[in-house]
Amino acid sequence: MSTPAAGPSVLSAVVTGAARGIGRAVAEKLVQRGYAVVVTDVDGAGAEQAAAEIGAVAGLAQDVRSEASHATVAAEAARHGRLAVWVNNAGVGHDGALADLPSDQVDRLVDVNLKGALWGTRAALAGFGPAGGDVVNIASLSGLGPVPGLSTYAATKAAVVSLTMSVQAETPDEVRVHALCPDGVDTEMVATMRDDGLAKALVRSGGRLLSVDEVAAEAVGLVGGHRVVRTLPAWRGGVMRGSSLLPSLAQQGIAVFAKQGRAALRRN
C-alpha cells in the first residue's frame, strides 16, 4: 500500500518492525507529528494494515536481514518527502543460556537485531542528504550489563549501543544517532519468554513492564535532540551501567533481582 508522492517540503520517516507493538506506536506518533511515515515489517500484510490504520503513507514487507531491502525502503520514503527519521525497531528475542540456544536462533538474533540495525543505519545515512536527520535504534537495558538467560540477545543489543555511539562520532553535526534502552516492555516478545526461565524473572524485576506507548514516546522524543543513549527508566539504567563496571559484584545482585522478578510474576 502506498499513497502518491509528496513535495520536497514534506519530511518522511521509516519505522521497521512496525506492524505491531513498539514499532507501530512509534510510527503512529511520527504520523501525528506530521511525518510521511513508511511502515515496514516482515509481516507485509500486517505492515499494510498498520499503515492504513494509523495514516502512514506506505506499508511494506521487509526482511531487515537483507541489505538491499533497506535501499528499497529508503527509495520509497524519498518518494513521499525528504528522509529525516529512520527508526531501527525490528528485532527478535529468544531467551536461554548460550550453551542451550539452538544455532539457528543465535543466527537469527545476530542477523535481525544487529545486522538489521547496521543496514538500516547505513541506508539512513545515504538517504538523509545535506540536511541530515535522526537515526533511532531501539536497543535494550540488557545491552548495558549482564542478563543471564538473555546472553545472546543482550550481546546483540550491546552491539547496537556501541554502533550508535560510534556512528554518532563518525557523522556530521546534521546527523544525530540515538539508542533507546528500555527495560522490559509489555509485548509479545516478553510474553513468550519461558515462565520458569531466569531471563523472564530478571526482566520482571523492575516491578512492572513498560507500555509500548511509554517507549514510543521516549523514542520519538529523541528526534531532534543530542542525547545519544537514553535508558528507560533512568534508575534501572543506572543499575545496569553500575553492574557492567563491577561485574563480580553484579553476580551477587542477580539473585536478588531474580527473586523480585519471580515475586512479580506470582502477583500477576
C-alpha atoms as a PDB file:
ATOM      1  CA  MET A   1       0.000   0.000   0.000  1.00  0.00           C
ATOM      2  CA  SER A   2       1.389   3.400  -0.978  1.00  0.00           C
ATOM      3  CA  THR A   3      -0.005   6.883  -1.421  1.00  0.00           C
ATOM      4  CA  PRO A   4       1.105   9.318  -4.156  1.00  0.00           C
ATOM      5  CA  ALA A   5       4.423  11.107  -3.819  1.00  0.00           C
ATOM      6  CA  ALA A   6       4.544  14.413  -1.955  1.00  0.00           C
ATOM      7  CA  GLY A   7       6.523  17.618  -2.363  1.00  0.00           C
ATOM      8  CA  PRO A   8      10.068  18.255  -1.095  1.00  0.00           C
ATOM      9  CA  SER A   9       8.861  20.277   1.918  1.00  0.00           C
ATOM     10  CA  VAL A  10       7.402  17.123   3.471  1.00  0.00           C
ATOM     11  CA  LEU A  11       9.613  15.150   5.849  1.00  0.00           C
ATOM     12  CA  SER A  12       9.469  11.375   5.628  1.00  0.00           C
ATOM     13  CA  ALA A  13      10.310   8.703   8.187  1.00  0.00           C
ATOM     14  CA  VAL A  14      10.894   4.952   8.197  1.00  0.00           C
ATOM     15  CA  VAL A  15       9.997   2.625  11.064  1.00  0.00           C
ATOM     16  CA  THR A  16      10.983  -1.034  10.772  1.00  0.00           C
ATOM     17  CA  GLY A  17       9.194  -3.841  12.572  1.00  0.00           C
ATOM     18  CA  ALA A  18       6.132  -1.641  12.821  1.00  0.00           C
ATOM     19  CA  ALA A  19       3.181  -3.919  12.141  1.00  0.00           C
ATOM     20  CA  ARG A  20       2.518  -4.032  15.879  1.00  0.00           C
ATOM     21  CA  GLY A  21       3.978  -3.280  19.287  1.00  0.00           C
ATOM     22  CA  ILE A  22       6.621  -0.611  19.831  1.00  0.00           C
ATOM     23  CA  GLY A  23       7.212  -0.021  16.131  1.00  0.00           C
ATOM     24  CA  ARG A  24       3.576   0.640  15.360  1.00  0.00           C
ATOM     25  CA  ALA A  25       3.293   3.031  18.317  1.00  0.00           C
ATOM     26  CA  VAL A  26       6.414   4.914  17.174  1.00  0.00           C
ATOM     27  CA  ALA A  27       5.081   5.142  13.620  1.00  0.00           C
ATOM     28  CA  GLU A  28       1.740   6.460  14.837  1.00  0.00           C
ATOM     29  CA  LYS A  29       3.388   9.175  16.922  1.00  0.00           C
ATOM     30  CA  LEU A  30       5.524  10.240  13.966  1.00  0.00           C
ATOM     31  CA  VAL A  31       2.388  10.460  11.795  1.00  0.00           C
ATOM     32  CA  GLN A  32       0.840  12.661  14.472  1.00  0.00           C
ATOM     33  CA  ARG A  33       3.906  14.906  14.257  1.00  0.00           C
ATOM     34  CA  GLY A  34       3.340  15.366  10.540  1.00  0.00           C
ATOM     35  CA  TYR A  35       5.869  12.946   9.057  1.00  0.00           C
ATOM     36  CA  ALA A  36       5.087  10.896   5.969  1.00  0.00           C
ATOM     37  CA  VAL A  37       5.801   7.515   7.526  1.00  0.00           C
ATOM     38  CA  VAL A  38       6.781   4.302   5.773  1.00  0.00           C
ATOM     39  CA  VAL A  39       5.922   1.273   7.910  1.00  0.00           C
ATOM     40  CA  THR A  40       7.853  -1.946   7.277  1.00  0.00           C
ATOM     41  CA  ASP A  41       7.641  -5.431   8.726  1.00  0.00           C
ATOM     42  CA  VAL A  42       8.493  -8.999   7.800  1.00  0.00           C
ATOM     43  CA  ASP A  43       4.710  -9.428   8.015  1.00  0.00           C
ATOM     44  CA  GLY A  44       3.841  -7.496   4.879  1.00  0.00           C
ATOM     45  CA  ALA A  45       0.078  -7.754   5.338  1.00  0.00           C
ATOM     46  CA  GLY A  46       0.452  -6.538   8.907  1.00  0.00           C
ATOM     47  CA  ALA A  47       2.545  -3.584   7.729  1.00  0.00           C
ATOM     48  CA  GLU A  48      -0.098  -2.618   5.171  1.00  0.00           C
ATOM     49  CA  GLN A  49      -2.867  -2.881   7.747  1.00  0.00           C
ATOM     50  CA  ALA A  50      -0.962  -0.834  10.322  1.00  0.00           C
ATOM     51  CA  ALA A  51      -0.162   1.830   7.732  1.00  0.00           C
ATOM     52  CA  ALA A  52      -3.813   2.113   6.752  1.00  0.00           C
ATOM     53  CA  GLU A  53      -4.993   2.313  10.349  1.00  0.00           C
ATOM     54  CA  ILE A  54      -2.517   4.968  11.549  1.00  0.00           C
ATOM     55  CA  GLY A  55      -2.394   7.086   8.398  1.00  0.00           C
ATOM     56  CA  ALA A  56       1.109   6.171   7.227  1.00  0.00           C
ATOM     57  CA  VAL A  57       1.934   6.693   3.548  1.00  0.00           C
ATOM     58  CA  ALA A  58       3.117   3.133   2.874  1.00  0.00           C
ATOM     59  CA  GLY A  59       3.253  -0.322   4.408  1.00  0.00           C
ATOM     60  CA  LEU A  60       5.933  -2.605   3.005  1.00  0.00           C
ATOM     61  CA  ALA A  61       7.099  -6.166   3.537  1.00  0.00           C
ATOM     62  CA  GLN A  62      10.739  -6.120   4.635  1.00  0.00           C
ATOM     63  CA  ASP A  63      13.212  -8.652   5.960  1.00  0.00           C
ATOM     64  CA  VAL A  64      15.777  -6.399   7.649  1.00  0.00           C
ATOM     65  CA  ARG A  65      18.452  -9.072   7.240  1.00  0.00           C
ATOM     66  CA  SER A  66      18.608  -8.040   3.581  1.00  0.00           C
ATOM     67  CA  GLU A  67      20.812  -5.032   2.877  1.00  0.00           C
ATOM     68  CA  ALA A  68      19.083  -4.473  -0.466  1.00  0.00           C
ATOM     69  CA  SER A  69      15.681  -4.221   1.222  1.00  0.00           C
ATOM     70  CA  HIS A  70      16.792  -1.103   3.065  1.00  0.00           C
ATOM     71  CA  ALA A  71      17.671   0.678  -0.170  1.00  0.00           C
ATOM     72  CA  THR A  72      14.204  -0.159  -1.480  1.00  0.00           C
ATOM     73  CA  VAL A  73      12.578   1.215   1.664  1.00  0.00           C
ATOM     74  CA  ALA A  74      14.709   4.378   1.556  1.00  0.00           C
ATOM     75  CA  ALA A  75      13.681   4.973  -2.056  1.00  0.00           C
ATOM     76  CA  GLU A  76      10.012   4.594  -1.115  1.00  0.00           C
ATOM     77  CA  ALA A  77      10.425   7.096   1.730  1.00  0.00           C
ATOM     78  CA  ALA A  78      12.118   9.556  -0.646  1.00  0.00           C
ATOM     79  CA  ARG A  79       9.026   9.439  -2.883  1.00  0.00           C
ATOM     80  CA  HIS A  80       6.989  10.961  -0.072  1.00  0.00           C
ATOM     81  CA  GLY A  81       9.353  13.651   1.189  1.00  0.00           C
ATOM     82  CA  ARG A  82      12.865  14.329   2.413  1.00  0.00           C
ATOM     83  CA  LEU A  83      14.022  11.399   4.533  1.00  0.00           C
ATOM     84  CA  ALA A  84      14.581  12.821   8.014  1.00  0.00           C
ATOM     85  CA  VAL A  85      13.982   9.993  10.522  1.00  0.00           C
ATOM     86  CA  TRP A  86      14.840   6.300  10.475  1.00  0.00           C
ATOM     87  CA  VAL A  87      13.850   4.068  13.393  1.00  0.00           C
ATOM     88  CA  ASN A  88      15.527   0.657  13.558  1.00  0.00           C
ATOM     89  CA  ASN A  89      12.958  -1.152  15.671  1.00  0.00           C
ATOM     90  CA  ALA A  90      12.730  -4.602  14.058  1.00  0.00           C
ATOM     91  CA  GLY A  91      14.040  -7.258  16.404  1.00  0.00           C
ATOM     92  CA  VAL A  92      13.604 -10.781  17.685  1.00  0.00           C
ATOM     93  CA  GLY A  93      14.014 -12.279  21.137  1.00  0.00           C
ATOM     94  CA  HIS A  94      14.979 -15.815  22.096  1.00  0.00           C
ATOM     95  CA  ASP A  95      15.710 -16.445  25.756  1.00  0.00           C
ATOM     96  CA  GLY A  96      18.006 -19.155  27.043  1.00  0.00           C
ATOM     97  CA  ALA A  97      21.625 -19.637  28.030  1.00  0.00           C
ATOM     98  CA  LEU A  98      24.143 -19.508  25.184  1.00  0.00           C
ATOM     99  CA  ALA A  99      25.064 -23.159  25.759  1.00  0.00           C
ATOM    100  CA  ASP A 100      21.447 -24.215  25.239  1.00  0.00           C
ATOM    101  CA  LEU A 101      20.297 -21.856  22.481  1.00  0.00           C
ATOM    102  CA  PRO A 102      19.817 -23.549  19.081  1.00  0.00           C
ATOM    103  CA  SER A 103      22.276 -22.341  16.451  1.00  0.00           C
ATOM    104  CA  ASP A 104      19.529 -21.105  14.142  1.00  0.00           C
ATOM    105  CA  GLN A 105      18.217 -18.862  16.928  1.00  0.00           C
ATOM    106  CA  VAL A 106      21.713 -17.453  17.520  1.00  0.00           C
ATOM    107  CA  ASP A 107      21.996 -16.646  13.815  1.00  0.00           C
ATOM    108  CA  ARG A 108      18.551 -15.036  13.763  1.00  0.00           C
ATOM    109  CA  LEU A 109      19.302 -12.861  16.791  1.00  0.00           C
ATOM    110  CA  VAL A 110      22.537 -11.566  15.278  1.00  0.00           C
ATOM    111  CA  ASP A 111      21.189 -11.140  11.758  1.00  0.00           C
ATOM    112  CA  VAL A 112      17.958  -9.355  12.701  1.00  0.00           C
ATOM    113  CA  ASN A 113      18.933  -7.385  15.794  1.00  0.00           C
ATOM    114  CA  LEU A 114      22.440  -6.308  14.811  1.00  0.00           C
ATOM    115  CA  LYS A 115      22.765  -6.549  11.049  1.00  0.00           C
ATOM    116  CA  GLY A 116      19.269  -5.139  10.618  1.00  0.00           C
ATOM    117  CA  ALA A 117      20.352  -2.047  12.564  1.00  0.00           C
ATOM    118  CA  LEU A 118      23.629  -1.837  10.622  1.00  0.00           C
ATOM    119  CA  TRP A 119      21.930  -1.955   7.234  1.00  0.00           C
ATOM    120  CA  GLY A 120      19.177   0.406   8.343  1.00  0.00           C
ATOM    121  CA  THR A 121      21.607   2.959   9.722  1.00  0.00           C
ATOM    122  CA  ARG A 122      23.683   2.849   6.559  1.00  0.00           C
ATOM    123  CA  ALA A 123      20.614   3.305   4.368  1.00  0.00           C
ATOM    124  CA  ALA A 124      19.509   6.246   6.503  1.00  0.00           C
ATOM    125  CA  LEU A 125      22.898   7.954   6.266  1.00  0.00           C
ATOM    126  CA  ALA A 126      22.857   7.555   2.488  1.00  0.00           C
ATOM    127  CA  GLY A 127      19.312   8.894   2.254  1.00  0.00           C
ATOM    128  CA  PHE A 128      19.434  11.896   4.570  1.00  0.00           C
ATOM    129  CA  GLY A 129      21.333  14.247   2.290  1.00  0.00           C
ATOM    130  CA  PRO A 130      22.987  17.532   3.373  1.00  0.00           C
ATOM    131  CA  ALA A 131      20.159  18.463   5.749  1.00  0.00           C
ATOM    132  CA  GLY A 132      20.854  15.401   7.890  1.00  0.00           C
ATOM    133  CA  GLY A 133      18.378  13.587  10.089  1.00  0.00           C
ATOM    134  CA  ASP A 134      17.894  11.269  13.052  1.00  0.00           C
ATOM    135  CA  VAL A 135      18.511   7.544  13.407  1.00  0.00           C
ATOM    136  CA  VAL A 136      16.841   5.971  16.436  1.00  0.00           C
ATOM    137  CA  ASN A 137      17.952   2.461  17.347  1.00  0.00           C
ATOM    138  CA  ILE A 138      15.694   0.540  19.708  1.00  0.00           C
ATOM    139  CA  ALA A 139      18.180  -1.296  21.916  1.00  0.00           C
ATOM    140  CA  SER A 140      17.608  -2.633  25.447  1.00  0.00           C
ATOM    141  CA  LEU A 141      18.749  -2.267  29.036  1.00  0.00           C
ATOM    142  CA  SER A 142      20.113  -5.780  28.618  1.00  0.00           C
ATOM    143  CA  GLY A 143      22.760  -4.279  26.343  1.00  0.00           C
ATOM    144  CA  LEU A 144      24.257  -2.352  29.259  1.00  0.00           C
ATOM    145  CA  GLY A 145      25.013  -5.136  31.732  1.00  0.00           C
ATOM    146  CA  PRO A 146      24.818  -8.853  32.486  1.00  0.00           C
ATOM    147  CA  VAL A 147      21.463 -10.583  31.979  1.00  0.00           C
ATOM    148  CA  PRO A 148      21.898 -14.354  32.292  1.00  0.00           C
ATOM    149  CA  GLY A 149      19.336 -16.218  30.247  1.00  0.00           C
ATOM    150  CA  LEU A 150      19.450 -13.494  27.604  1.00  0.00           C
ATOM    151  CA  SER A 151      23.164 -13.579  26.827  1.00  0.00           C
ATOM    152  CA  THR A 152      22.926 -13.699  23.036  1.00  0.00           C
ATOM    153  CA  TYR A 153      20.057 -11.222  22.819  1.00  0.00           C
ATOM    154  CA  ALA A 154      21.909  -8.916  25.230  1.00  0.00           C
ATOM    155  CA  ALA A 155      25.078  -9.170  23.152  1.00  0.00           C
ATOM    156  CA  THR A 156      23.222  -8.012  20.042  1.00  0.00           C
ATOM    157  CA  LYS A 157      21.745  -5.059  21.911  1.00  0.00           C
ATOM    158  CA  ALA A 158      25.136  -4.140  23.393  1.00  0.00           C
ATOM    159  CA  ALA A 159      26.449  -4.112  19.847  1.00  0.00           C
ATOM    160  CA  VAL A 160      23.607  -1.806  18.793  1.00  0.00           C
ATOM    161  CA  VAL A 161      24.523   0.616  21.593  1.00  0.00           C
ATOM    162  CA  SER A 162      28.170   0.508  20.507  1.00  0.00           C
ATOM    163  CA  LEU A 163      27.138   1.007  16.882  1.00  0.00           C
ATOM    164  CA  THR A 164      25.076   4.027  17.875  1.00  0.00           C
ATOM    165  CA  MET A 165      27.883   5.738  19.778  1.00  0.00           C
ATOM    166  CA  SER A 166      30.497   5.009  17.131  1.00  0.00           C
ATOM    167  CA  VAL A 167      28.399   6.116  14.160  1.00  0.00           C
ATOM    168  CA  GLN A 168      27.392   9.280  16.001  1.00  0.00           C
ATOM    169  CA  ALA A 169      31.101  10.089  16.293  1.00  0.00           C
ATOM    170  CA  GLU A 170      31.593   9.407  12.570  1.00  0.00           C
ATOM    171  CA  THR A 171      28.839  11.661  11.270  1.00  0.00           C
ATOM    172  CA  PRO A 172      28.493  15.432  10.771  1.00  0.00           C
ATOM    173  CA  ASP A 173      26.544  17.602  13.198  1.00  0.00           C
ATOM    174  CA  GLU A 174      23.458  17.475  10.989  1.00  0.00           C
ATOM    175  CA  VAL A 175      23.101  13.738  11.676  1.00  0.00           C
ATOM    176  CA  ARG A 176      22.022  12.565  15.115  1.00  0.00           C
ATOM    177  CA  VAL A 177      22.174   8.896  16.112  1.00  0.00           C
ATOM    178  CA  HIS A 178      20.397   7.677  19.234  1.00  0.00           C
ATOM    179  CA  ALA A 179      19.887   4.423  21.126  1.00  0.00           C
ATOM    180  CA  LEU A 180      16.892   3.908  23.377  1.00  0.00           C
ATOM    181  CA  CYS A 181      17.444   1.222  26.017  1.00  0.00           C
ATOM    182  CA  PRO A 182      14.122   0.305  27.641  1.00  0.00           C
ATOM    183  CA  ASP A 183      13.524  -2.158  30.448  1.00  0.00           C
ATOM    184  CA  GLY A 184      11.040  -4.987  29.870  1.00  0.00           C
ATOM    185  CA  VAL A 185       8.093  -3.938  27.711  1.00  0.00           C
ATOM    186  CA  ASP A 186       4.584  -5.381  27.612  1.00  0.00           C
ATOM    187  CA  THR A 187       4.966  -7.016  24.206  1.00  0.00           C
ATOM    188  CA  GLU A 188       4.619 -10.438  22.645  1.00  0.00           C
ATOM    189  CA  MET A 189       8.394 -10.869  22.890  1.00  0.00           C
ATOM    190  CA  VAL A 190       8.330 -10.743  26.695  1.00  0.00           C
ATOM    191  CA  ALA A 191       5.074 -12.671  26.965  1.00  0.00           C
ATOM    192  CA  THR A 192       6.549 -15.632  25.089  1.00  0.00           C
ATOM    193  CA  MET A 193       9.625 -15.945  27.315  1.00  0.00           C
ATOM    194  CA  ARG A 194       9.759 -19.142  29.334  1.00  0.00           C
ATOM    195  CA  ASP A 195       7.846 -18.606  32.573  1.00  0.00           C
ATOM    196  CA  ASP A 196      10.370 -20.672  34.532  1.00  0.00           C
ATOM    197  CA  GLY A 197      13.393 -19.013  32.943  1.00  0.00           C
ATOM    198  CA  LEU A 198      15.848 -16.724  34.719  1.00  0.00           C
ATOM    199  CA  ALA A 199      15.549 -14.161  31.934  1.00  0.00           C
ATOM    200  CA  LYS A 200      11.827 -13.572  32.481  1.00  0.00           C
ATOM    201  CA  ALA A 201      12.355 -13.170  36.226  1.00  0.00           C
ATOM    202  CA  LEU A 202      15.079 -10.570  35.661  1.00  0.00           C
ATOM    203  CA  VAL A 203      13.007  -8.708  33.066  1.00  0.00           C
ATOM    204  CA  ARG A 204      10.143  -8.509  35.572  1.00  0.00           C
ATOM    205  CA  SER A 205      12.373  -7.442  38.481  1.00  0.00           C
ATOM    206  CA  GLY A 206      11.680  -3.760  37.816  1.00  0.00           C
ATOM    207  CA  GLY A 207       8.213  -4.119  39.323  1.00  0.00           C
ATOM    208  CA  ARG A 208       6.178  -3.559  36.167  1.00  0.00           C
ATOM    209  CA  LEU A 209       6.508  -3.781  32.432  1.00  0.00           C
ATOM    210  CA  LEU A 210       6.711  -0.595  30.398  1.00  0.00           C
ATOM    211  CA  SER A 211       3.883   0.083  27.949  1.00  0.00           C
ATOM    212  CA  VAL A 212       4.578   0.376  24.232  1.00  0.00           C
ATOM    213  CA  ASP A 213       3.274   3.957  24.358  1.00  0.00           C
ATOM    214  CA  GLU A 214       5.824   4.904  27.032  1.00  0.00           C
ATOM    215  CA  VAL A 215       8.661   3.521  24.950  1.00  0.00           C
ATOM    216  CA  ALA A 216       7.361   5.070  21.735  1.00  0.00           C
ATOM    217  CA  ALA A 217       7.061   8.497  23.358  1.00  0.00           C
ATOM    218  CA  GLU A 218      10.683   8.324  24.514  1.00  0.00           C
ATOM    219  CA  ALA A 219      11.859   7.137  21.092  1.00  0.00           C
ATOM    220  CA  VAL A 220      10.137   9.975  19.254  1.00  0.00           C
ATOM    221  CA  GLY A 221      11.301  12.395  21.937  1.00  0.00           C
ATOM    222  CA  LEU A 222      14.911  11.691  20.963  1.00  0.00           C
ATOM    223  CA  VAL A 223      14.344  13.068  17.456  1.00  0.00           C
ATOM    224  CA  GLY A 224      15.992  16.443  17.003  1.00  0.00           C
ATOM    225  CA  GLY A 225      17.941  16.202  20.254  1.00  0.00           C
ATOM    226  CA  HIS A 226      21.541  15.331  21.028  1.00  0.00           C
ATOM    227  CA  ARG A 227      21.040  12.589  23.611  1.00  0.00           C
ATOM    228  CA  VAL A 228      22.947   9.593  22.272  1.00  0.00           C
ATOM    229  CA  VAL A 229      21.926   6.867  24.756  1.00  0.00           C
ATOM    230  CA  ARG A 230      18.700   7.037  26.766  1.00  0.00           C
ATOM    231  CA  THR A 231      17.649   4.463  29.354  1.00  0.00           C
ATOM    232  CA  LEU A 232      14.094   3.846  30.474  1.00  0.00           C
ATOM    233  CA  PRO A 233      13.542   4.054  33.372  1.00  0.00           C
ATOM    234  CA  ALA A 234      16.653   6.017  34.280  1.00  0.00           C
ATOM    235  CA  TRP A 235      17.186   4.310  37.644  1.00  0.00           C
ATOM    236  CA  ARG A 236      17.303   0.862  36.055  1.00  0.00           C
ATOM    237  CA  GLY A 237      19.762   2.210  33.535  1.00  0.00           C
ATOM    238  CA  GLY A 238      21.970   3.339  36.400  1.00  0.00           C
ATOM    239  CA  VAL A 239      21.816  -0.124  37.948  1.00  0.00           C
ATOM    240  CA  MET A 240      22.763  -1.800  34.675  1.00  0.00           C
ATOM    241  CA  ARG A 241      25.637   0.571  33.995  1.00  0.00           C
ATOM    242  CA  GLY A 242      26.915   0.040  37.520  1.00  0.00           C
ATOM    243  CA  SER A 243      26.769  -3.723  37.109  1.00  0.00           C
ATOM    244  CA  SER A 244      28.903  -3.506  33.982  1.00  0.00           C
ATOM    245  CA  LEU A 245      31.580  -1.635  35.954  1.00  0.00           C
ATOM    246  CA  LEU A 246      31.587  -4.198  38.777  1.00  0.00           C
ATOM    247  CA  PRO A 247      30.604  -7.497  37.151  1.00  0.00           C
ATOM    248  CA  SER A 248      31.804  -9.626  40.070  1.00  0.00           C
ATOM    249  CA  LEU A 249      29.509  -7.821  42.494  1.00  0.00           C
ATOM    250  CA  ALA A 250      26.739  -7.865  39.914  1.00  0.00           C
ATOM    251  CA  GLN A 251      26.691 -11.656  40.042  1.00  0.00           C
ATOM    252  CA  GLN A 252      25.572 -11.428  43.663  1.00  0.00           C
ATOM    253  CA  GLY A 253      22.852  -8.912  42.839  1.00  0.00           C
ATOM    254  CA  ILE A 254      21.375 -11.067  40.080  1.00  0.00           C
ATOM    255  CA  ALA A 255      19.913 -13.490  42.622  1.00  0.00           C
ATOM    256  CA  VAL A 256      18.214 -10.612  44.447  1.00  0.00           C
ATOM    257  CA  PHE A 257      16.681  -9.212  41.266  1.00  0.00           C
ATOM    258  CA  ALA A 258      15.579 -12.671  40.144  1.00  0.00           C
ATOM    259  CA  LYS A 259      13.763 -13.157  43.455  1.00  0.00           C
ATOM    260  CA  GLN A 260      11.990  -9.822  42.993  1.00  0.00           C
ATOM    261  CA  GLY A 261      11.017 -10.762  39.453  1.00  0.00           C
ATOM    262  CA  ARG A 262       9.591 -14.133  40.448  1.00  0.00           C
ATOM    263  CA  ALA A 263       7.524 -12.416  43.124  1.00  0.00           C
ATOM    264  CA  ALA A 264       6.178 -10.002  40.496  1.00  0.00           C
ATOM    265  CA  LEU A 265       5.291 -12.913  38.214  1.00  0.00           C
ATOM    266  CA  ARG A 266       3.385 -14.632  41.010  1.00  0.00           C
ATOM    267  CA  ARG A 267       1.379 -11.464  41.687  1.00  0.00           C
ATOM    268  CA  ASN A 268       0.335 -11.331  38.052  1.00  0.00           C
END
